[in-house]
PDB file of N, CA and C in Angstrom:
ATOM      1  N   MET A   1      55.965 -99.497 182.182  1.00  0.00           N
ATOM      2  CA  MET A   1      57.248 -98.860 182.113  1.00  0.00           C
ATOM      3  C   MET A   1      56.881 -97.544 181.713  1.00  0.00           C
ATOM      4  N   ALA A   2      57.368 -96.407 182.422  1.00  0.00           N
ATOM      5  CA  ALA A   2      57.150 -95.346 182.079  1.00  0.00           C
ATOM      6  C   ALA A   2      58.327 -94.789 181.166  1.00  0.00           C
ATOM      7  N   GLN A   3      57.956 -93.829 180.264  1.00  0.00           N
ATOM      8  CA  GLN A   3      58.968 -93.409 179.319  1.00  0.00           C
ATOM      9  C   GLN A   3      58.954 -91.817 179.337  1.00  0.00           C
ATOM     10  N   GLU A   4      60.092 -91.254 179.289  1.00  0.00           N
ATOM     11  CA  GLU A   4      60.440 -89.980 179.210  1.00  0.00           C
ATOM     12  C   GLU A   4      61.369 -89.600 178.086  1.00  0.00           C
ATOM     13  N   ILE A   5      61.291 -88.249 177.502  1.00  0.00           N
ATOM     14  CA  ILE A   5      62.345 -87.961 176.471  1.00  0.00           C
ATOM     15  C   ILE A   5      63.021 -86.778 177.003  1.00  0.00           C
ATOM     16  N   VAL A   6      64.204 -86.685 176.800  1.00  0.00           N
ATOM     17  CA  VAL A   6      65.023 -85.564 177.125  1.00  0.00           C
ATOM     18  C   VAL A   6      65.995 -85.227 175.855  1.00  0.00           C
ATOM     19  N   THR A   7      66.197 -83.986 175.802  1.00  0.00           N
ATOM     20  CA  THR A   7      67.132 -83.543 174.814  1.00  0.00           C
ATOM     21  C   THR A   7      68.443 -83.084 175.516  1.00  0.00           C
ATOM     22  N   LEU A   8      69.541 -83.645 175.189  1.00  0.00           N
ATOM     23  CA  LEU A   8      70.862 -83.203 175.585  1.00  0.00           C
ATOM     24  C   LEU A   8      71.486 -82.517 174.600  1.00  0.00           C
ATOM     25  N   ARG A   9      72.041 -81.520 174.964  1.00  0.00           N
ATOM     26  CA  ARG A   9      72.880 -80.515 174.133  1.00  0.00           C
ATOM     27  C   ARG A   9      74.476 -80.652 174.394  1.00  0.00           C
ATOM     28  N   VAL A  10      75.136 -81.190 173.301  1.00  0.00           N
ATOM     29  CA  VAL A  10      76.626 -81.129 173.266  1.00  0.00           C
ATOM     30  C   VAL A  10      77.198 -79.898 173.235  1.00  0.00           C
ATOM     31  N   SER A  11      78.227 -79.552 174.211  1.00  0.00           N
ATOM     32  CA  SER A  11      78.952 -78.347 174.151  1.00  0.00           C
ATOM     33  C   SER A  11      80.189 -78.506 174.625  1.00  0.00           C
ATOM     34  N   GLY A  12      81.092 -77.589 174.945  1.00  0.00           N
ATOM     35  CA  GLY A  12      82.458 -77.703 175.218  1.00  0.00           C
ATOM     36  C   GLY A  12      83.524 -77.684 174.209  1.00  0.00           C
ATOM     37  N   ASP A  13      84.526 -78.069 174.548  1.00  0.00           N
ATOM     38  CA  ASP A  13      85.707 -78.169 173.378  1.00  0.00           C
ATOM     39  C   ASP A  13      85.337 -79.066 172.419  1.00  0.00           C
ATOM     40  N   ARG A  14      84.755 -80.181 172.679  1.00  0.00           N
ATOM     41  CA  ARG A  14      84.573 -81.366 171.518  1.00  0.00           C
ATOM     42  C   ARG A  14      83.112 -81.440 171.169  1.00  0.00           C
ATOM     43  N   LEU A  15      82.764 -81.072 170.035  1.00  0.00           N
ATOM     44  CA  LEU A  15      81.416 -81.069 169.445  1.00  0.00           C
ATOM     45  C   LEU A  15      81.214 -82.193 168.439  1.00  0.00           C
ATOM     46  N   MET A  16      80.028 -82.703 168.279  1.00  0.00           N
ATOM     47  CA  MET A  16      79.859 -83.705 167.246  1.00  0.00           C
ATOM     48  C   MET A  16      79.985 -83.011 165.794  1.00  0.00           C
ATOM     49  N   GLN A  17      80.966 -83.710 165.104  1.00  0.00           N
ATOM     50  CA  GLN A  17      81.356 -82.981 163.793  1.00  0.00           C
ATOM     51  C   GLN A  17      80.722 -83.852 162.493  1.00  0.00           C
ATOM     52  N   CYS A  18      80.296 -85.083 162.829  1.00  0.00           N
ATOM     53  CA  CYS A  18      79.986 -86.003 161.573  1.00  0.00           C
ATOM     54  C   CYS A  18      79.019 -87.119 162.137  1.00  0.00           C
ATOM     55  N   ALA A  19      78.704 -87.921 161.119  1.00  0.00           N
ATOM     56  CA  ALA A  19      77.950 -89.122 161.462  1.00  0.00           C
ATOM     57  C   ALA A  19      78.644 -90.022 162.194  1.00  0.00           C
ATOM     58  N   GLY A  20      79.982 -89.934 162.341  1.00  0.00           N
ATOM     59  CA  GLY A  20      80.662 -91.010 163.060  1.00  0.00           C
ATOM     60  C   GLY A  20      80.648 -90.384 164.435  1.00  0.00           C
ATOM     61  N   CYS A  21      80.550 -89.209 164.814  1.00  0.00           N
ATOM     62  CA  CYS A  21      80.366 -88.732 166.283  1.00  0.00           C
ATOM     63  C   CYS A  21      78.910 -88.961 166.788  1.00  0.00           C
ATOM     64  N   GLU A  22      77.945 -88.801 165.916  1.00  0.00           N
ATOM     65  CA  GLU A  22      76.585 -89.132 166.104  1.00  0.00           C
ATOM     66  C   GLU A  22      76.517 -90.429 166.754  1.00  0.00           C
ATOM     67  N   ASN A  23      76.939 -91.486 165.938  1.00  0.00           N
ATOM     68  CA  ASN A  23      76.927 -92.890 166.161  1.00  0.00           C
ATOM     69  C   ASN A  23      77.888 -93.161 167.510  1.00  0.00           C
ATOM     70  N   ALA A  24      79.073 -92.359 167.851  1.00  0.00           N
ATOM     71  CA  ALA A  24      79.789 -92.650 169.098  1.00  0.00           C
ATOM     72  C   ALA A  24      78.855 -92.228 170.234  1.00  0.00           C
ATOM     73  N   CYS A  25      78.058 -91.107 169.931  1.00  0.00           N
ATOM     74  CA  CYS A  25      77.109 -90.680 171.122  1.00  0.00           C
ATOM     75  C   CYS A  25      75.957 -91.743 171.308  1.00  0.00           C
ATOM     76  N   LYS A  26      75.552 -92.322 170.189  1.00  0.00           N
ATOM     77  CA  LYS A  26      74.385 -93.171 170.293  1.00  0.00           C
ATOM     78  C   LYS A  26      74.855 -94.499 170.988  1.00  0.00           C
ATOM     79  N   ALA A  27      76.017 -94.892 170.519  1.00  0.00           N
ATOM     80  CA  ALA A  27      76.605 -96.107 171.193  1.00  0.00           C
ATOM     81  C   ALA A  27      77.011 -96.107 172.713  1.00  0.00           C
ATOM     82  N   ALA A  28      77.471 -94.843 172.938  1.00  0.00           N
ATOM     83  CA  ALA A  28      77.756 -94.539 174.549  1.00  0.00           C
ATOM     84  C   ALA A  28      76.427 -94.767 175.332  1.00  0.00           C
ATOM     85  N   LEU A  29      75.303 -93.999 174.665  1.00  0.00           N
ATOM     86  CA  LEU A  29      73.969 -93.894 175.455  1.00  0.00           C
ATOM     87  C   LEU A  29      73.414 -95.324 175.423  1.00  0.00           C
ATOM     88  N   SER A  30      73.586 -96.164 174.490  1.00  0.00           N
ATOM     89  CA  SER A  30      73.020 -97.484 174.424  1.00  0.00           C
ATOM     90  C   SER A  30      73.439 -98.447 175.560  1.00  0.00           C
ATOM     91  N   ARG A  31      74.587 -97.968 176.067  1.00  0.00           N
ATOM     92  CA  ARG A  31      75.086 -98.836 177.164  1.00  0.00           C
ATOM     93  C   ARG A  31      74.634 -98.579 178.556  1.00  0.00           C
ATOM     94  N   VAL A  32      73.690 -97.436 178.721  1.00  0.00           N
ATOM     95  CA  VAL A  32      73.040 -97.222 179.831  1.00  0.00           C
ATOM     96  C   VAL A  32      71.727 -97.827 180.083  1.00  0.00           C
ATOM     97  N   PRO A  33      71.579 -98.707 181.101  1.00  0.00           N
ATOM     98  CA  PRO A  33      70.431 -99.402 181.234  1.00  0.00           C
ATOM     99  C   PRO A  33      69.334 -98.554 181.426  1.00  0.00           C
ATOM    100  N   GLY A  34      68.363 -98.745 180.690  1.00  0.00           N
ATOM    101  CA  GLY A  34      67.053 -97.885 180.616  1.00  0.00           C
ATOM    102  C   GLY A  34      66.984 -96.874 179.549  1.00  0.00           C
ATOM    103  N   VAL A  35      67.979 -96.640 178.706  1.00  0.00           N
ATOM    104  CA  VAL A  35      67.861 -95.972 177.692  1.00  0.00           C
ATOM    105  C   VAL A  35      67.272 -96.673 176.446  1.00  0.00           C
ATOM    106  N   LEU A  36      66.167 -96.367 175.958  1.00  0.00           N
ATOM    107  CA  LEU A  36      65.471 -96.978 174.966  1.00  0.00           C
ATOM    108  C   LEU A  36      65.841 -96.592 173.437  1.00  0.00           C
ATOM    109  N   THR A  37      65.931 -95.402 173.274  1.00  0.00           N
ATOM    110  CA  THR A  37      66.455 -94.876 171.830  1.00  0.00           C
ATOM    111  C   THR A  37      67.237 -93.629 172.032  1.00  0.00           C
ATOM    112  N   ALA A  38      67.988 -93.287 171.220  1.00  0.00           N
ATOM    113  CA  ALA A  38      68.950 -92.111 171.029  1.00  0.00           C
ATOM    114  C   ALA A  38      69.095 -91.535 169.659  1.00  0.00           C
ATOM    115  N   ASP A  39      68.678 -90.366 169.349  1.00  0.00           N
ATOM    116  CA  ASP A  39      68.763 -89.762 168.012  1.00  0.00           C
ATOM    117  C   ASP A  39      69.735 -88.500 168.112  1.00  0.00           C
ATOM    118  N   ALA A  40      70.885 -88.560 167.534  1.00  0.00           N
ATOM    119  CA  ALA A  40      71.846 -87.575 167.596  1.00  0.00           C
ATOM    120  C   ALA A  40      71.922 -86.902 166.221  1.00  0.00           C
ATOM    121  N   SER A  41      72.184 -85.593 166.315  1.00  0.00           N
ATOM    122  CA  SER A  41      72.426 -84.677 165.080  1.00  0.00           C
ATOM    123  C   SER A  41      73.475 -83.847 165.328  1.00  0.00           C
ATOM    124  N   HIS A  42      74.527 -84.020 164.375  1.00  0.00           N
ATOM    125  CA  HIS A  42      75.921 -83.025 164.648  1.00  0.00           C
ATOM    126  C   HIS A  42      75.335 -81.632 164.133  1.00  0.00           C
ATOM    127  N   GLN A  43      74.338 -81.706 163.385  1.00  0.00           N
ATOM    128  CA  GLN A  43      73.971 -80.291 162.830  1.00  0.00           C
ATOM    129  C   GLN A  43      73.383 -79.310 163.877  1.00  0.00           C
ATOM    130  N   THR A  44      72.737 -79.852 164.889  1.00  0.00           N
ATOM    131  CA  THR A  44      72.146 -79.042 165.944  1.00  0.00           C
ATOM    132  C   THR A  44      73.019 -79.233 167.207  1.00  0.00           C
ATOM    133  N   GLN A  45      73.619 -80.134 167.282  1.00  0.00           N
ATOM    134  CA  GLN A  45      74.359 -80.623 168.714  1.00  0.00           C
ATOM    135  C   GLN A  45      73.453 -81.271 169.694  1.00  0.00           C
ATOM    136  N   ASN A  46      72.179 -81.626 169.181  1.00  0.00           N
ATOM    137  CA  ASN A  46      71.308 -82.353 170.259  1.00  0.00           C
ATOM    138  C   ASN A  46      71.077 -83.810 170.024  1.00  0.00           C
ATOM    139  N   ILE A  47      70.861 -84.357 171.087  1.00  0.00           N
ATOM    140  CA  ILE A  47      70.552 -85.801 171.192  1.00  0.00           C
ATOM    141  C   ILE A  47      69.419 -86.107 171.942  1.00  0.00           C
ATOM    142  N   ASP A  48      68.249 -86.359 171.198  1.00  0.00           N
ATOM    143  CA  ASP A  48      67.030 -86.766 171.854  1.00  0.00           C
ATOM    144  C   ASP A  48      67.137 -88.150 172.326  1.00  0.00           C
ATOM    145  N   VAL A  49      66.719 -88.381 173.718  1.00  0.00           N
ATOM    146  CA  VAL A  49      66.898 -89.615 174.382  1.00  0.00           C
ATOM    147  C   VAL A  49      65.439 -90.133 174.847  1.00  0.00           C
ATOM    148  N   ALA A  50      65.097 -91.118 174.502  1.00  0.00           N
ATOM    149  CA  ALA A  50      63.920 -91.884 175.291  1.00  0.00           C
ATOM    150  C   ALA A  50      64.404 -92.868 176.161  1.00  0.00           C
ATOM    151  N   TYR A  51      63.864 -92.702 177.538  1.00  0.00           N
ATOM    152  CA  TYR A  51      64.509 -93.537 178.597  1.00  0.00           C
ATOM    153  C   TYR A  51      63.433 -93.751 179.545  1.00  0.00           C
ATOM    154  N   ASP A  52      63.608 -94.807 180.322  1.00  0.00           N
ATOM    155  CA  ASP A  52      62.857 -95.197 181.538  1.00  0.00           C
ATOM    156  C   ASP A  52      63.477 -94.700 182.669  1.00  0.00           C
ATOM    157  N   PRO A  53      62.854 -93.596 183.323  1.00  0.00           N
ATOM    158  CA  PRO A  53      63.437 -92.949 184.387  1.00  0.00           C
ATOM    159  C   PRO A  53      63.433 -93.710 185.630  1.00  0.00           C
ATOM    160  N   GLU A  54      62.860 -94.816 185.778  1.00  0.00           N
ATOM    161  CA  GLU A  54      63.168 -95.651 186.946  1.00  0.00           C
ATOM    162  C   GLU A  54      64.437 -96.461 186.847  1.00  0.00           C
ATOM    163  N   LYS A  55      65.029 -96.472 185.642  1.00  0.00           N
ATOM    164  CA  LYS A  55      66.326 -97.267 185.335  1.00  0.00           C
ATOM    165  C   LYS A  55      67.610 -96.329 184.916  1.00  0.00           C
ATOM    166  N   ALA A  56      67.176 -95.195 184.346  1.00  0.00           N
ATOM    167  CA  ALA A  56      68.174 -94.328 183.989  1.00  0.00           C
ATOM    168  C   ALA A  56      68.046 -92.937 184.422  1.00  0.00           C
ATOM    169  N   SER A  57      68.904 -92.262 184.510  1.00  0.00           N
ATOM    170  CA  SER A  57      68.981 -90.761 184.769  1.00  0.00           C
ATOM    171  C   SER A  57      69.647 -90.084 183.823  1.00  0.00           C
ATOM    172  N   ILE A  58      69.406 -88.767 184.027  1.00  0.00           N
ATOM    173  CA  ILE A  58      69.886 -87.741 183.129  1.00  0.00           C
ATOM    174  C   ILE A  58      71.413 -87.629 183.275  1.00  0.00           C
ATOM    175  N   GLU A  59      71.965 -87.836 184.723  1.00  0.00           N
ATOM    176  CA  GLU A  59      73.252 -87.676 185.178  1.00  0.00           C
ATOM    177  C   GLU A  59      73.871 -89.184 184.663  1.00  0.00           C
ATOM    178  N   ASP A  60      73.220 -90.086 184.664  1.00  0.00           N
ATOM    179  CA  ASP A  60      73.961 -91.268 184.041  1.00  0.00           C
ATOM    180  C   ASP A  60      74.287 -91.177 182.565  1.00  0.00           C
ATOM    181  N   MET A  61      73.352 -90.547 181.800  1.00  0.00           N
ATOM    182  CA  MET A  61      73.615 -90.302 180.338  1.00  0.00           C
ATOM    183  C   MET A  61      74.853 -89.303 180.134  1.00  0.00           C
ATOM    184  N   LYS A  62      74.741 -88.180 180.996  1.00  0.00           N
ATOM    185  CA  LYS A  62      75.716 -87.165 180.891  1.00  0.00           C
ATOM    186  C   LYS A  62      77.062 -87.790 181.182  1.00  0.00           C
ATOM    187  N   ALA A  63      77.184 -88.630 182.057  1.00  0.00           N
ATOM    188  CA  ALA A  63      78.390 -89.337 182.568  1.00  0.00           C
ATOM    189  C   ALA A  63      78.903 -90.133 181.455  1.00  0.00           C
ATOM    190  N   VAL A  64      78.210 -90.855 180.867  1.00  0.00           N
ATOM    191  CA  VAL A  64      78.673 -91.980 179.855  1.00  0.00           C
ATOM    192  C   VAL A  64      78.888 -91.055 178.485  1.00  0.00           C
ATOM    193  N   LEU A  65      78.460 -89.962 178.079  1.00  0.00           N
ATOM    194  CA  LEU A  65      78.852 -89.071 177.043  1.00  0.00           C
ATOM    195  C   LEU A  65      80.301 -88.589 177.503  1.00  0.00           C
ATOM    196  N   LEU A  66      80.447 -88.073 178.608  1.00  0.00           N
ATOM    197  CA  LEU A  66      81.652 -87.441 179.168  1.00  0.00           C
ATOM    198  C   LEU A  66      82.758 -88.516 179.032  1.00  0.00           C
ATOM    199  N   LYS A  67      82.558 -89.828 179.271  1.00  0.00           N
ATOM    200  CA  LYS A  67      83.460 -90.856 179.081  1.00  0.00           C
ATOM    201  C   LYS A  67      83.906 -90.972 177.658  1.00  0.00           C
ATOM    202  N   ALA A  68      82.886 -90.738 176.859  1.00  0.00           N
ATOM    203  CA  ALA A  68      83.054 -90.891 175.516  1.00  0.00           C
ATOM    204  C   ALA A  68      83.626 -89.544 174.790  1.00  0.00           C
ATOM    205  N   GLY A  69      83.870 -88.664 175.639  1.00  0.00           N
ATOM    206  CA  GLY A  69      84.588 -87.279 175.046  1.00  0.00           C
ATOM    207  C   GLY A  69      83.625 -86.324 174.748  1.00  0.00           C
ATOM    208  N   TYR A  70      82.386 -86.220 175.173  1.00  0.00           N
ATOM    209  CA  TYR A  70      81.368 -85.196 174.856  1.00  0.00           C
ATOM    210  C   TYR A  70      80.713 -84.754 176.188  1.00  0.00           C
ATOM    211  N   GLN A  71      80.669 -83.448 176.367  1.00  0.00           N
ATOM    212  CA  GLN A  71      80.072 -82.790 177.412  1.00  0.00           C
ATOM    213  C   GLN A  71      78.684 -82.568 176.901  1.00  0.00           C
ATOM    214  N   ALA A  72      77.723 -82.822 177.735  1.00  0.00           N
ATOM    215  CA  ALA A  72      76.344 -82.586 177.406  1.00  0.00           C
ATOM    216  C   ALA A  72      75.495 -82.076 178.605  1.00  0.00           C
ATOM    217  N   ASP A  73      74.614 -81.267 178.476  1.00  0.00           N
ATOM    218  CA  ASP A  73      73.565 -81.001 179.450  1.00  0.00           C
ATOM    219  C   ASP A  73      72.329 -80.954 178.957  1.00  0.00           C
ATOM    220  N   ALA A  74      71.392 -80.946 179.730  1.00  0.00           N
ATOM    221  CA  ALA A  74      69.870 -81.212 179.296  1.00  0.00           C
ATOM    222  C   ALA A  74      69.463 -79.964 178.696  1.00  0.00           C
ATOM    223  N   ALA A  75      68.874 -79.796 177.509  1.00  0.00           N
ATOM    224  CA  ALA A  75      68.500 -78.552 176.799  1.00  0.00           C
ATOM    225  C   ALA A  75      67.497 -77.990 177.445  1.00  0.00           C
TER     226      ALA A  75
END
């Protein structure tokens, strides 16, 4: 299994404000098949995601975060 790490940066109207927001982003990403780990920081607005690129794409991750209310792009 190949593993890659991407940093997603939350931007837009709704930013991560607290640990609850971090947990919401991590929970959303955990539902994407192929996402192995997600580490979110409301202080930097970054989410570091380890994933299997054969099963998950950055677009998949961005879509699930958008459904959770957070706009993100690869940093």
